[in-house]
Amino acid sequence: MNLVAPQSRFARVTVAPLTPAIGAEISGIDLGIEQDDAVIAEIRTALLTHKVVFFRDQFITPAQHIAFARRFGTLEIHPATPKDQPDPEVLHIAHGPDSRGRENAWHSDVTWRAEPSLGSILRAVEVPGVGGDTLFADMAAAFRALSPAMQDWCRSLNAVHDIARVFAGRLGKSADELRAKYPPQVHPVVRTHPETGEQALYVNTAFTSHIEGLSAKESEWLLAHLYAQAAVPEIQCRFHWRPGSIAFWDNRAAQHYAASDYFPAVRRMERVTIAGDRPYYRDER
């Protein structure tokens, strides 16, 4: 399936695909300026087509970052955000000599929520001269690469997603304390995209704990097999950050992996996340 959108579909922005599978760079736009509805619609089309879009040289303020994200939906606040932070919608992700990067695993953001995020918009504030790239994988292509028999099995399964797997240690809370506020959620292993209708694998190494109805050994084996689908280079793109770079990805259809190869250099990023809806599976056959 070739979903690459020709430039003729875009009258207000320039969209250049990074790979045939996933990723495109959008140019001819200043995100510090409020965009009209037509431009926002073209950005959304590019996002749905390419699953992650990138912008360069966007030296915007946190307020402008928030305002741009709000054009795509309601924003959510991450539990890792300090309660006294002036802009609670902005999640600060910073690493340096005293903090090695920990986001180097394939994942989709906040799948532990009942209604996981639509998308994330990440802005580079300070980046290392070498390293610190982020990789993105097309999880619809990952699903299509499975055998028909494996596809059919996965369509019938649900998996549990648990915040405590990652954030109990990072937030200094017990697993039970976190789960009381954010109970583990059950989502389909294959998710139907609510806007495109595509089917995509919806399990990830960070937050998926197990598949319902399988033994622990069966669940572990199947999850390892499905996780490995994201690691295929043909369904990936890799983005090298510069100050002012922005990535906007669709958490419903893509996973990402932040390469933590830059220690002890400094990498400071700011993320604003758009709330989504409850995952579901609808048979399109």
C-alpha atoms as a PDB file:
ATOM      1  CA  MET A   1       0.000   0.000   0.000  1.00  0.00           C
ATOM      2  CA  ASN A   2       1.525   3.321  -1.075  1.00  0.00           C
ATOM      3  CA  LEU A   3       0.091   6.199   0.900  1.00  0.00           C
ATOM      4  CA  VAL A   4       2.630   8.846  -0.100  1.00  0.00           C
ATOM      5  CA  ALA A   5       0.677  12.006  -0.881  1.00  0.00           C
ATOM      6  CA  PRO A   6       1.746  13.900  -4.013  1.00  0.00           C
ATOM      7  CA  GLN A   7       2.704  17.527  -3.532  1.00  0.00           C
ATOM      8  CA  SER A   8      -0.282  18.444  -5.721  1.00  0.00           C
ATOM      9  CA  ARG A   9      -2.473  17.764  -2.662  1.00  0.00           C
ATOM     10  CA  PHE A  10      -0.840  20.669  -0.829  1.00  0.00           C
ATOM     11  CA  ALA A  11      -1.369  24.255  -1.919  1.00  0.00           C
ATOM     12  CA  ARG A  12      -0.165  26.096   1.195  1.00  0.00           C
ATOM     13  CA  VAL A  13       2.839  24.091   2.404  1.00  0.00           C
ATOM     14  CA  THR A  14       5.613  22.043   0.821  1.00  0.00           C
ATOM     15  CA  VAL A  15       5.728  18.395   1.859  1.00  0.00           C
ATOM     16  CA  ALA A  16       8.828  16.314   1.055  1.00  0.00           C
ATOM     17  CA  PRO A  17       8.709  12.595   2.034  1.00  0.00           C
ATOM     18  CA  LEU A  18      11.756  11.264   3.914  1.00  0.00           C
ATOM     19  CA  THR A  19      11.157   7.613   2.998  1.00  0.00           C
ATOM     20  CA  PRO A  20       8.509   5.740   0.999  1.00  0.00           C
ATOM     21  CA  ALA A  21       7.080   4.309   4.234  1.00  0.00           C
ATOM     22  CA  ILE A  22       7.029   7.064   6.847  1.00  0.00           C
ATOM     23  CA  GLY A  23       8.026  10.643   7.545  1.00  0.00           C
ATOM     24  CA  ALA A  24       7.918  13.925   5.645  1.00  0.00           C
ATOM     25  CA  GLU A  25       9.417  17.378   6.117  1.00  0.00           C
ATOM     26  CA  ILE A  26       7.089  20.359   5.867  1.00  0.00           C
ATOM     27  CA  SER A  27       8.536  23.700   4.798  1.00  0.00           C
ATOM     28  CA  GLY A  28       7.270  27.105   3.780  1.00  0.00           C
ATOM     29  CA  ILE A  29       5.658  27.813   7.136  1.00  0.00           C
ATOM     30  CA  ASP A  30       6.373  29.817  10.315  1.00  0.00           C
ATOM     31  CA  LEU A  31       4.792  28.087  13.306  1.00  0.00           C
ATOM     32  CA  GLY A  32       5.292  31.216  15.403  1.00  0.00           C
ATOM     33  CA  ILE A  33       2.421  32.766  13.441  1.00  0.00           C
ATOM     34  CA  GLU A  34      -1.170  31.621  13.911  1.00  0.00           C
ATOM     35  CA  GLN A  35      -2.097  29.541  10.880  1.00  0.00           C
ATOM     36  CA  ASP A  36      -5.446  29.635   9.124  1.00  0.00           C
ATOM     37  CA  ASP A  37      -7.706  26.593   8.922  1.00  0.00           C
ATOM     38  CA  ALA A  38      -6.560  25.652   5.415  1.00  0.00           C
ATOM     39  CA  VAL A  39      -2.916  25.353   6.486  1.00  0.00           C
ATOM     40  CA  ILE A  40      -3.842  23.351   9.595  1.00  0.00           C
ATOM     41  CA  ALA A  41      -5.914  21.021   7.397  1.00  0.00           C
ATOM     42  CA  GLU A  42      -2.931  20.445   5.080  1.00  0.00           C
ATOM     43  CA  ILE A  43      -0.642  19.698   8.041  1.00  0.00           C
ATOM     44  CA  ARG A  44      -3.209  17.208   9.323  1.00  0.00           C
ATOM     45  CA  THR A  45      -3.417  15.559   5.890  1.00  0.00           C
ATOM     46  CA  ALA A  46       0.375  15.273   5.782  1.00  0.00           C
ATOM     47  CA  LEU A  47       0.392  13.790   9.296  1.00  0.00           C
ATOM     48  CA  LEU A  48      -2.252  11.179   8.435  1.00  0.00           C
ATOM     49  CA  THR A  49      -0.433  10.285   5.219  1.00  0.00           C
ATOM     50  CA  HIS A  50       3.146  10.143   6.540  1.00  0.00           C
ATOM     51  CA  LYS A  51       2.491   9.415  10.262  1.00  0.00           C
ATOM     52  CA  VAL A  52       5.212  11.855  11.360  1.00  0.00           C
ATOM     53  CA  VAL A  53       6.022  15.289   9.969  1.00  0.00           C
ATOM     54  CA  PHE A  54       9.029  17.495  10.660  1.00  0.00           C
ATOM     55  CA  PHE A  55       9.646  21.231  10.669  1.00  0.00           C
ATOM     56  CA  ARG A  56      13.013  23.028  10.695  1.00  0.00           C
ATOM     57  CA  ASP A  57      14.122  26.377  12.103  1.00  0.00           C
ATOM     58  CA  GLN A  58      11.023  26.958  14.232  1.00  0.00           C
ATOM     59  CA  PHE A  59      12.292  29.064  17.137  1.00  0.00           C
ATOM     60  CA  ILE A  60       8.987  29.355  18.903  1.00  0.00           C
ATOM     61  CA  THR A  61       8.104  30.017  22.535  1.00  0.00           C
ATOM     62  CA  PRO A  62       6.371  27.503  24.806  1.00  0.00           C
ATOM     63  CA  ALA A  63       3.174  29.558  24.462  1.00  0.00           C
ATOM     64  CA  GLN A  64       3.385  29.347  20.669  1.00  0.00           C
ATOM     65  CA  HIS A  65       4.122  25.625  20.915  1.00  0.00           C
ATOM     66  CA  ILE A  66       0.985  25.140  23.007  1.00  0.00           C
ATOM     67  CA  ALA A  67      -1.120  27.313  20.708  1.00  0.00           C
ATOM     68  CA  PHE A  68      -0.062  25.340  17.623  1.00  0.00           C
ATOM     69  CA  ALA A  69      -0.815  22.003  19.293  1.00  0.00           C
ATOM     70  CA  ARG A  70      -4.267  23.213  20.371  1.00  0.00           C
ATOM     71  CA  ARG A  71      -5.246  23.577  16.716  1.00  0.00           C
ATOM     72  CA  PHE A  72      -5.349  19.777  16.550  1.00  0.00           C
ATOM     73  CA  GLY A  73      -7.310  19.040  19.717  1.00  0.00           C
ATOM     74  CA  THR A  74      -7.472  19.207  23.488  1.00  0.00           C
ATOM     75  CA  LEU A  75      -4.113  18.995  25.242  1.00  0.00           C
ATOM     76  CA  GLU A  76      -3.256  16.607  28.044  1.00  0.00           C
ATOM     77  CA  ILE A  77      -0.983  17.004  31.050  1.00  0.00           C
ATOM     78  CA  HIS A  78       1.545  14.277  31.800  1.00  0.00           C
ATOM     79  CA  PRO A  79       1.847  13.040  35.418  1.00  0.00           C
ATOM     80  CA  ALA A  80       5.617  13.643  35.216  1.00  0.00           C
ATOM     81  CA  THR A  81       5.026  17.407  34.878  1.00  0.00           C
ATOM     82  CA  PRO A  82       5.740  19.279  38.161  1.00  0.00           C
ATOM     83  CA  LYS A  83       2.540  20.663  39.676  1.00  0.00           C
ATOM     84  CA  ASP A  84       3.992  24.179  40.031  1.00  0.00           C
ATOM     85  CA  GLN A  85       5.227  24.399  36.419  1.00  0.00           C
ATOM     86  CA  PRO A  86       3.942  27.589  34.673  1.00  0.00           C
ATOM     87  CA  ASP A  87       2.963  25.758  31.452  1.00  0.00           C
ATOM     88  CA  PRO A  88       1.720  22.342  32.599  1.00  0.00           C
ATOM     89  CA  GLU A  89       1.000  21.283  28.999  1.00  0.00           C
ATOM     90  CA  VAL A  90       4.746  21.226  28.271  1.00  0.00           C
ATOM     91  CA  LEU A  91       6.658  18.095  29.265  1.00  0.00           C
ATOM     92  CA  HIS A  92      10.380  18.808  29.642  1.00  0.00           C
ATOM     93  CA  ILE A  93      12.664  15.945  28.613  1.00  0.00           C
ATOM     94  CA  ALA A  94      16.286  16.731  29.420  1.00  0.00           C
ATOM     95  CA  HIS A  95      19.422  14.616  29.697  1.00  0.00           C
ATOM     96  CA  GLY A  96      23.100  15.417  30.157  1.00  0.00           C
ATOM     97  CA  PRO A  97      26.145  14.488  32.258  1.00  0.00           C
ATOM     98  CA  ASP A  98      23.976  13.575  35.249  1.00  0.00           C
ATOM     99  CA  SER A  99      21.158  11.871  33.352  1.00  0.00           C
ATOM    100  CA  ARG A 100      21.547   9.291  30.608  1.00  0.00           C
ATOM    101  CA  GLY A 101      18.684   9.136  28.077  1.00  0.00           C
ATOM    102  CA  ARG A 102      16.071   6.499  28.878  1.00  0.00           C
ATOM    103  CA  GLU A 103      13.659   6.786  25.957  1.00  0.00           C
ATOM    104  CA  ASN A 104      15.612   4.295  23.816  1.00  0.00           C
ATOM    105  CA  ALA A 105      12.863   1.710  23.383  1.00  0.00           C
ATOM    106  CA  TRP A 106      10.159   1.456  20.738  1.00  0.00           C
ATOM    107  CA  HIS A 107       6.950   2.898  22.116  1.00  0.00           C
ATOM    108  CA  SER A 108       3.829   4.948  21.551  1.00  0.00           C
ATOM    109  CA  ASP A 109       3.157   7.657  24.119  1.00  0.00           C
ATOM    110  CA  VAL A 110       0.802   7.161  27.092  1.00  0.00           C
ATOM    111  CA  THR A 111      -0.849   3.954  25.902  1.00  0.00           C
ATOM    112  CA  TRP A 112      -1.555   3.389  29.603  1.00  0.00           C
ATOM    113  CA  ARG A 113      -4.365   5.948  29.378  1.00  0.00           C
ATOM    114  CA  ALA A 114      -7.965   4.903  28.736  1.00  0.00           C
ATOM    115  CA  GLU A 115      -7.832   7.357  25.832  1.00  0.00           C
ATOM    116  CA  PRO A 116      -4.183   7.485  24.665  1.00  0.00           C
ATOM    117  CA  SER A 117      -2.906  10.542  22.865  1.00  0.00           C
ATOM    118  CA  LEU A 118      -3.667  11.429  19.270  1.00  0.00           C
ATOM    119  CA  GLY A 119      -0.213  12.821  18.727  1.00  0.00           C
ATOM    120  CA  SER A 120       2.857  14.440  20.223  1.00  0.00           C
ATOM    121  CA  ILE A 121       4.673  17.591  19.125  1.00  0.00           C
ATOM    122  CA  LEU A 122       8.317  17.609  20.228  1.00  0.00           C
ATOM    123  CA  ARG A 123      10.526  20.697  19.973  1.00  0.00           C
ATOM    124  CA  ALA A 124      14.327  20.689  20.165  1.00  0.00           C
ATOM    125  CA  VAL A 125      15.718  23.306  22.558  1.00  0.00           C
ATOM    126  CA  GLU A 126      19.320  22.091  22.901  1.00  0.00           C
ATOM    127  CA  VAL A 127      20.780  19.115  21.075  1.00  0.00           C
ATOM    128  CA  PRO A 128      24.167  17.393  20.873  1.00  0.00           C
ATOM    129  CA  GLY A 129      26.297  18.055  17.807  1.00  0.00           C
ATOM    130  CA  VAL A 130      26.294  14.333  17.033  1.00  0.00           C
ATOM    131  CA  GLY A 131      23.751  11.727  18.103  1.00  0.00           C
ATOM    132  CA  GLY A 132      20.399  12.003  19.807  1.00  0.00           C
ATOM    133  CA  ASP A 133      18.385  11.178  16.671  1.00  0.00           C
ATOM    134  CA  THR A 134      14.822   9.866  16.918  1.00  0.00           C
ATOM    135  CA  LEU A 135      13.631   6.920  14.833  1.00  0.00           C
ATOM    136  CA  PHE A 136      10.004   6.384  13.810  1.00  0.00           C
ATOM    137  CA  ALA A 137       8.308   3.187  12.622  1.00  0.00           C
ATOM    138  CA  ASP A 138       5.095   2.738  10.633  1.00  0.00           C
ATOM    139  CA  MET A 139       3.048   0.272  12.684  1.00  0.00           C
ATOM    140  CA  ALA A 140       0.438  -0.160   9.949  1.00  0.00           C
ATOM    141  CA  ALA A 141       3.208  -1.405   7.657  1.00  0.00           C
ATOM    142  CA  ALA A 142       4.425  -3.584  10.542  1.00  0.00           C
ATOM    143  CA  PHE A 143       0.986  -5.191  10.743  1.00  0.00           C
ATOM    144  CA  ARG A 144       0.766  -5.709   6.967  1.00  0.00           C
ATOM    145  CA  ALA A 145       4.139  -7.493   7.045  1.00  0.00           C
ATOM    146  CA  LEU A 146       2.745 -10.267   9.262  1.00  0.00           C
ATOM    147  CA  SER A 147       1.492 -13.461   7.663  1.00  0.00           C
ATOM    148  CA  PRO A 148      -2.293 -13.620   7.067  1.00  0.00           C
ATOM    149  CA  ALA A 149      -2.641 -16.261   9.789  1.00  0.00           C
ATOM    150  CA  MET A 150      -0.737 -14.120  12.301  1.00  0.00           C
ATOM    151  CA  GLN A 151      -2.789 -11.069  11.320  1.00  0.00           C
ATOM    152  CA  ASP A 152      -6.011 -12.991  11.978  1.00  0.00           C
ATOM    153  CA  TRP A 153      -4.797 -14.157  15.398  1.00  0.00           C
ATOM    154  CA  CYS A 154      -3.693 -10.675  16.425  1.00  0.00           C
ATOM    155  CA  ARG A 155      -7.012  -9.174  15.346  1.00  0.00           C
ATOM    156  CA  SER A 156      -8.730 -11.309  17.996  1.00  0.00           C
ATOM    157  CA  LEU A 157      -6.480 -10.306  20.900  1.00  0.00           C
ATOM    158  CA  ASN A 158      -6.358  -7.561  23.537  1.00  0.00           C
ATOM    159  CA  ALA A 159      -3.363  -6.424  25.570  1.00  0.00           C
ATOM    160  CA  VAL A 160      -2.923  -4.708  28.932  1.00  0.00           C
ATOM    161  CA  HIS A 161      -1.015  -1.413  29.195  1.00  0.00           C
ATOM    162  CA  ASP A 162       0.418  -0.345  32.556  1.00  0.00           C
ATOM    163  CA  ILE A 163       1.904   3.042  33.558  1.00  0.00           C
ATOM    164  CA  ALA A 164       3.834   1.493  36.456  1.00  0.00           C
ATOM    165  CA  ARG A 165       6.154  -0.394  34.103  1.00  0.00           C
ATOM    166  CA  VAL A 166       8.000   2.860  33.359  1.00  0.00           C
ATOM    167  CA  PHE A 167       6.878   5.585  35.706  1.00  0.00           C
ATOM    168  CA  ALA A 168       6.802   3.926  39.129  1.00  0.00           C
ATOM    169  CA  GLY A 169      10.573   4.258  39.339  1.00  0.00           C
ATOM    170  CA  ARG A 170      10.827   7.586  37.511  1.00  0.00           C
ATOM    171  CA  LEU A 171       8.196   9.274  39.687  1.00  0.00           C
ATOM    172  CA  GLY A 172       9.324   7.622  42.927  1.00  0.00           C
ATOM    173  CA  LYS A 173       5.895   6.058  43.531  1.00  0.00           C
ATOM    174  CA  SER A 174       4.800   2.529  44.230  1.00  0.00           C
ATOM    175  CA  ALA A 175       3.174   0.581  41.427  1.00  0.00           C
ATOM    176  CA  ASP A 176      -0.037   0.279  43.439  1.00  0.00           C
ATOM    177  CA  GLU A 177      -0.148   4.027  44.055  1.00  0.00           C
ATOM    178  CA  LEU A 178       0.188   4.808  40.362  1.00  0.00           C
ATOM    179  CA  ARG A 179      -2.301   2.141  39.316  1.00  0.00           C
ATOM    180  CA  ALA A 180      -4.871   3.514  41.752  1.00  0.00           C
ATOM    181  CA  LYS A 181      -4.842   6.787  39.829  1.00  0.00           C
ATOM    182  CA  TYR A 182      -4.169   5.353  36.367  1.00  0.00           C
ATOM    183  CA  PRO A 183      -5.586   1.807  36.267  1.00  0.00           C
ATOM    184  CA  PRO A 184      -4.086  -0.565  33.691  1.00  0.00           C
ATOM    185  CA  GLN A 185      -5.989  -0.385  30.420  1.00  0.00           C
ATOM    186  CA  VAL A 186      -6.993  -3.043  27.934  1.00  0.00           C
ATOM    187  CA  HIS A 187      -6.541  -2.099  24.259  1.00  0.00           C
ATOM    188  CA  PRO A 188      -6.775  -4.166  21.071  1.00  0.00           C
ATOM    189  CA  VAL A 189      -3.519  -5.632  19.776  1.00  0.00           C
ATOM    190  CA  VAL A 190      -4.562  -4.344  16.344  1.00  0.00           C
ATOM    191  CA  ARG A 191      -5.948  -0.825  16.373  1.00  0.00           C
ATOM    192  CA  THR A 192      -8.152   0.725  13.699  1.00  0.00           C
ATOM    193  CA  HIS A 193      -7.112   4.291  12.961  1.00  0.00           C
ATOM    194  CA  PRO A 194     -10.187   6.486  13.600  1.00  0.00           C
ATOM    195  CA  GLU A 195      -9.420   8.806  10.661  1.00  0.00           C
ATOM    196  CA  THR A 196      -7.764   6.650   7.987  1.00  0.00           C
ATOM    197  CA  GLY A 197      -9.241   3.235   8.791  1.00  0.00           C
ATOM    198  CA  GLU A 198      -5.789   1.629   8.622  1.00  0.00           C
ATOM    199  CA  GLN A 199      -5.009  -1.274  10.926  1.00  0.00           C
ATOM    200  CA  ALA A 200      -1.829  -0.995  13.008  1.00  0.00           C
ATOM    201  CA  LEU A 201      -0.091  -3.021  15.686  1.00  0.00           C
ATOM    202  CA  TYR A 202      -0.784  -1.396  19.051  1.00  0.00           C
ATOM    203  CA  VAL A 203       1.577  -3.004  21.561  1.00  0.00           C
ATOM    204  CA  ASN A 204       4.864  -1.517  22.715  1.00  0.00           C
ATOM    205  CA  THR A 205       7.863  -2.452  24.827  1.00  0.00           C
ATOM    206  CA  ALA A 206       7.409   0.385  27.310  1.00  0.00           C
ATOM    207  CA  PHE A 207       3.841   0.006  28.536  1.00  0.00           C
ATOM    208  CA  THR A 208       2.367  -3.316  27.361  1.00  0.00           C
ATOM    209  CA  SER A 209       2.504  -5.853  30.199  1.00  0.00           C
ATOM    210  CA  HIS A 210       0.787  -8.901  28.669  1.00  0.00           C
ATOM    211  CA  ILE A 211      -1.812 -10.199  26.240  1.00  0.00           C
ATOM    212  CA  GLU A 212      -5.112 -11.268  27.767  1.00  0.00           C
ATOM    213  CA  GLY A 213      -6.088 -14.927  27.573  1.00  0.00           C
ATOM    214  CA  LEU A 214      -2.588 -16.271  26.900  1.00  0.00           C
ATOM    215  CA  SER A 215      -0.229 -17.943  29.322  1.00  0.00           C
ATOM    216  CA  ALA A 216       2.716 -15.867  30.501  1.00  0.00           C
ATOM    217  CA  LYS A 217       5.051 -17.809  28.201  1.00  0.00           C
ATOM    218  CA  GLU A 218       2.749 -17.450  25.185  1.00  0.00           C
ATOM    219  CA  SER A 219       2.237 -13.757  25.828  1.00  0.00           C
ATOM    220  CA  GLU A 220       5.950 -13.127  26.208  1.00  0.00           C
ATOM    221  CA  TRP A 221       6.718 -14.967  22.966  1.00  0.00           C
ATOM    222  CA  LEU A 222       4.040 -13.205  20.915  1.00  0.00           C
ATOM    223  CA  LEU A 223       4.869  -9.750  22.249  1.00  0.00           C
ATOM    224  CA  ALA A 224       8.555 -10.244  21.470  1.00  0.00           C
ATOM    225  CA  HIS A 225       7.608 -11.207  17.912  1.00  0.00           C
ATOM    226  CA  LEU A 226       5.340  -8.177  17.491  1.00  0.00           C
ATOM    227  CA  TYR A 227       7.810  -5.765  19.088  1.00  0.00           C
ATOM    228  CA  ALA A 228      10.441  -6.878  16.603  1.00  0.00           C
ATOM    229  CA  GLN A 229       8.303  -5.694  13.677  1.00  0.00           C
ATOM    230  CA  ALA A 230       9.149  -2.064  14.534  1.00  0.00           C
ATOM    231  CA  ALA A 231      12.872  -2.749  14.104  1.00  0.00           C
ATOM    232  CA  VAL A 232      12.676  -3.310  10.331  1.00  0.00           C
ATOM    233  CA  PRO A 233      14.567  -0.463   8.566  1.00  0.00           C
ATOM    234  CA  GLU A 234      12.246  -0.500   5.530  1.00  0.00           C
ATOM    235  CA  ILE A 235       9.348   0.813   7.638  1.00  0.00           C
ATOM    236  CA  GLN A 236      11.404   3.436   9.510  1.00  0.00           C
ATOM    237  CA  CYS A 237      12.742   6.929   9.139  1.00  0.00           C
ATOM    238  CA  ARG A 238      15.447   8.604  11.237  1.00  0.00           C
ATOM    239  CA  PHE A 239      15.407  12.296  12.142  1.00  0.00           C
ATOM    240  CA  HIS A 240      18.518  14.278  13.057  1.00  0.00           C
ATOM    241  CA  TRP A 241      17.656  17.151  15.371  1.00  0.00           C
ATOM    242  CA  ARG A 242      18.887  20.706  15.162  1.00  0.00           C
ATOM    243  CA  PRO A 243      17.880  23.556  17.494  1.00  0.00           C
ATOM    244  CA  GLY A 244      14.441  24.728  16.354  1.00  0.00           C
ATOM    245  CA  SER A 245      13.493  21.377  14.841  1.00  0.00           C
ATOM    246  CA  ILE A 246      10.001  20.048  15.533  1.00  0.00           C
ATOM    247  CA  ALA A 247       8.540  16.569  15.069  1.00  0.00           C
ATOM    248  CA  PHE A 248       4.782  15.923  15.108  1.00  0.00           C
ATOM    249  CA  TRP A 249       3.866  12.233  15.148  1.00  0.00           C
ATOM    250  CA  ASP A 250       0.646  10.241  15.151  1.00  0.00           C
ATOM    251  CA  ASN A 251       0.699   8.010  18.228  1.00  0.00           C
ATOM    252  CA  ARG A 252      -2.168   5.947  16.791  1.00  0.00           C
ATOM    253  CA  ALA A 253      -0.105   4.726  13.850  1.00  0.00           C
ATOM    254  CA  ALA A 254       3.593   5.153  14.642  1.00  0.00           C
ATOM    255  CA  GLN A 255       6.105   4.245  17.317  1.00  0.00           C
ATOM    256  CA  HIS A 256       9.326   6.073  18.068  1.00  0.00           C
ATOM    257  CA  TYR A 257      12.739   5.391  19.593  1.00  0.00           C
ATOM    258  CA  ALA A 258      15.024   8.129  20.932  1.00  0.00           C
ATOM    259  CA  ALA A 259      18.610   7.022  20.380  1.00  0.00           C
ATOM    260  CA  SER A 260      20.514   7.533  23.651  1.00  0.00           C
ATOM    261  CA  ASP A 261      23.969   7.598  22.105  1.00  0.00           C
ATOM    262  CA  TYR A 262      25.003  11.123  23.115  1.00  0.00           C
ATOM    263  CA  PHE A 263      25.943  10.787  26.807  1.00  0.00           C
ATOM    264  CA  PRO A 264      27.352  12.933  28.430  1.00  0.00           C
ATOM    265  CA  ALA A 265      26.261  15.662  25.977  1.00  0.00           C
ATOM    266  CA  VAL A 266      23.119  17.689  26.685  1.00  0.00           C
ATOM    267  CA  ARG A 267      19.807  17.107  24.932  1.00  0.00           C
ATOM    268  CA  ARG A 268      16.824  19.248  25.996  1.00  0.00           C
ATOM    269  CA  MET A 269      13.409  18.811  24.416  1.00  0.00           C
ATOM    270  CA  GLU A 270       9.882  20.078  25.099  1.00  0.00           C
ATOM    271  CA  ARG A 271       6.797  18.014  24.256  1.00  0.00           C
ATOM    272  CA  VAL A 272       3.149  18.972  24.015  1.00  0.00           C
ATOM    273  CA  THR A 273       0.669  16.128  23.617  1.00  0.00           C
ATOM    274  CA  ILE A 274      -2.782  16.130  22.021  1.00  0.00           C
ATOM    275  CA  ALA A 275      -5.452  14.006  23.706  1.00  0.00           C
ATOM    276  CA  GLY A 276      -6.962  11.169  21.707  1.00  0.00           C
ATOM    277  CA  ASP A 277      -9.791   8.671  21.978  1.00  0.00           C
ATOM    278  CA  ARG A 278     -10.257   5.094  23.086  1.00  0.00           C
ATOM    279  CA  PRO A 279      -8.595   2.550  20.779  1.00  0.00           C
ATOM    280  CA  TYR A 280     -10.853   0.080  18.984  1.00  0.00           C
ATOM    281  CA  TYR A 281     -10.641  -2.594  16.321  1.00  0.00           C
ATOM    282  CA  ARG A 282     -13.062  -2.653  13.396  1.00  0.00           C
ATOM    283  CA  ASP A 283     -12.708  -5.382  10.796  1.00  0.00           C
ATOM    284  CA  GLU A 284     -12.234  -3.695   7.438  1.00  0.00           C
ATOM    285  CA  ARG A 285     -12.268  -6.892   5.377  1.00  0.00           C
END
